[in-house]
Amino acid sequence: MGRTLMYAAITALAVVVLSATFFLNHGGESIASVEHVSVHDLTSGPGRFEGKPVSTVGVLGFSEEHDRYQLVGEGNFAVVIREHAGGDSLDGLLGRDVRVRGVFGSDQELGVIIDASYIGPVDD
């Protein structure tokens, strides 16, 4: 009886340690594979990334035409940020290099878009 209880305690401890390690490594975010791509790749071949989680870097701007924020990459290619988590104003990041993570797609009205789960400054 004592041996069974000891093995059960060791097994429970192992499960707790492995679970904690898993959650700390993934930071509470989705564990779906996020592909790191350039803004140019997103705009030149949008079908390859449709509906997939992506991460990209560019300069945050504001599109007067669409009345939304956009991410501008090299060559002046842009991806419209249709939605962003939190809904906070991004005015403080305008003109700065930012990293955007989210689900990429296309919209008939807006063109190529990203529904962002994260928008933040690029670490220097």
Protein backbone atom coordinates (compact mmCIF):
# COMPACT_ATOMS: atom_id res chain seq x y z
CA MET A 1 0.00 0.00 0.00
CA GLY A 2 2.77 2.46 0.92
CA ARG A 3 4.71 1.71 -2.25
CA THR A 4 1.62 2.35 -4.43
CA LEU A 5 1.01 5.68 -2.72
CA MET A 6 4.65 6.68 -3.22
CA TYR A 7 4.54 5.84 -6.96
CA ALA A 8 1.28 7.75 -7.34
CA ALA A 9 2.84 10.81 -5.67
CA ILE A 10 5.92 10.61 -7.93
CA THR A 11 3.70 10.31 -11.02
CA ALA A 12 1.58 13.28 -9.94
CA LEU A 13 4.70 15.36 -9.33
CA ALA A 14 6.07 14.46 -12.78
CA VAL A 15 2.79 15.52 -14.42
CA VAL A 16 2.86 18.86 -12.58
CA VAL A 17 6.48 19.54 -13.58
CA LEU A 18 5.91 18.61 -17.23
CA SER A 19 2.73 20.71 -17.40
CA ALA A 20 4.45 23.73 -15.88
CA THR A 21 7.35 23.39 -18.32
CA PHE A 22 4.96 23.17 -21.27
CA PHE A 23 2.95 26.24 -20.23
CA LEU A 24 6.04 28.32 -19.47
CA ASN A 25 7.59 27.49 -22.86
CA HIS A 26 4.45 28.49 -24.72
CA GLY A 27 3.67 31.57 -22.63
CA GLY A 28 -0.06 30.92 -22.69
CA GLU A 29 -0.25 31.60 -26.41
CA SER A 30 -1.59 29.26 -29.02
CA ILE A 31 0.78 26.40 -29.75
CA ALA A 32 -0.15 26.49 -33.42
CA SER A 33 2.87 26.85 -35.64
CA VAL A 34 3.44 30.51 -36.42
CA GLU A 35 5.25 31.16 -39.67
CA HIS A 36 7.64 34.13 -39.79
CA VAL A 37 7.26 35.87 -43.16
CA SER A 38 8.00 39.25 -44.69
CA VAL A 39 5.32 41.76 -45.64
CA HIS A 40 6.47 41.37 -49.25
CA ASP A 41 5.86 37.60 -49.16
CA LEU A 42 2.42 38.13 -47.65
CA THR A 43 1.39 40.59 -50.35
CA SER A 44 2.97 38.79 -53.32
CA GLY A 45 1.61 35.32 -52.51
CA PRO A 46 -1.37 35.77 -50.19
CA GLY A 47 -2.98 32.43 -51.05
CA ARG A 48 -0.17 30.47 -49.40
CA PHE A 49 -0.82 32.11 -46.03
CA GLU A 50 -4.63 32.46 -46.09
CA GLY A 51 -6.08 31.58 -42.67
CA LYS A 52 -2.69 30.74 -41.16
CA PRO A 53 -1.06 32.27 -38.08
CA VAL A 54 1.90 34.43 -39.13
CA SER A 55 4.41 36.80 -37.62
CA THR A 56 5.90 39.69 -39.56
CA VAL A 57 7.84 42.91 -39.03
CA GLY A 58 7.40 46.33 -40.60
CA VAL A 59 6.68 49.98 -39.93
CA LEU A 60 3.30 50.78 -38.42
CA GLY A 61 1.37 53.32 -40.47
CA PHE A 62 -2.18 54.50 -40.89
CA SER A 63 -4.12 54.04 -44.12
CA GLU A 64 -6.41 57.02 -44.73
CA GLU A 65 -8.00 55.08 -47.58
CA HIS A 66 -9.09 52.22 -45.32
CA ASP A 67 -9.26 54.21 -42.05
CA ARG A 68 -7.19 51.49 -40.37
CA TYR A 69 -3.66 50.83 -39.22
CA GLN A 70 -1.36 49.03 -41.63
CA LEU A 71 2.02 47.35 -41.58
CA VAL A 72 4.37 48.63 -44.28
CA GLY A 73 7.37 46.58 -45.37
CA GLU A 74 10.24 47.09 -47.76
CA GLY A 75 9.20 48.26 -51.20
CA ASN A 76 6.15 50.02 -49.72
CA PHE A 77 4.11 46.80 -49.60
CA ALA A 78 1.40 47.00 -46.94
CA VAL A 79 -0.89 44.68 -44.99
CA VAL A 80 -3.99 46.24 -43.41
CA ILE A 81 -4.54 45.44 -39.74
CA ARG A 82 -8.25 44.68 -39.73
CA GLU A 83 -8.51 43.90 -36.02
CA HIS A 84 -6.09 43.96 -33.12
CA ALA A 85 -6.41 42.40 -29.69
CA GLY A 86 -7.08 44.79 -26.87
CA GLY A 87 -8.45 47.55 -29.06
CA ASP A 88 -5.99 50.06 -27.57
CA SER A 89 -4.83 52.96 -29.68
CA LEU A 90 -1.63 52.23 -31.54
CA ASP A 91 -0.79 55.91 -32.10
CA GLY A 92 2.31 55.63 -29.90
CA LEU A 93 3.78 53.06 -32.28
CA LEU A 94 3.12 54.96 -35.53
CA GLY A 95 6.25 55.23 -37.65
CA ARG A 96 8.11 52.65 -35.56
CA ASP A 97 9.27 49.14 -36.42
CA VAL A 98 6.77 46.70 -34.92
CA ARG A 99 6.20 42.97 -34.81
CA VAL A 100 2.70 41.77 -35.64
CA ARG A 101 1.37 38.27 -34.94
CA GLY A 102 -2.04 37.12 -36.05
CA VAL A 103 -4.10 35.29 -38.62
CA PHE A 104 -3.50 36.37 -42.19
CA GLY A 105 -6.25 36.63 -44.78
CA SER A 106 -7.79 38.69 -47.51
CA ASP A 107 -10.83 40.89 -47.58
CA GLN A 108 -12.68 41.99 -50.70
CA GLU A 109 -12.85 45.58 -49.49
CA LEU A 110 -9.50 45.92 -47.68
CA GLY A 111 -7.22 43.61 -49.69
CA VAL A 112 -4.61 41.65 -47.71
CA ILE A 113 -5.28 41.83 -43.99
CA ILE A 114 -4.13 40.47 -40.67
CA ASP A 115 -6.26 40.00 -37.57
CA ALA A 116 -3.57 40.73 -35.00
CA SER A 117 -3.29 39.00 -31.65
CA TYR A 118 -0.12 40.96 -30.83
CA ILE A 119 1.37 44.26 -31.98
CA GLY A 120 4.49 45.54 -30.26
CA PRO A 121 7.81 47.24 -30.83
CA VAL A 122 10.65 45.21 -32.31
CA ASP A 123 13.24 44.46 -29.66
CA ASP A 124 16.42 46.39 -30.36
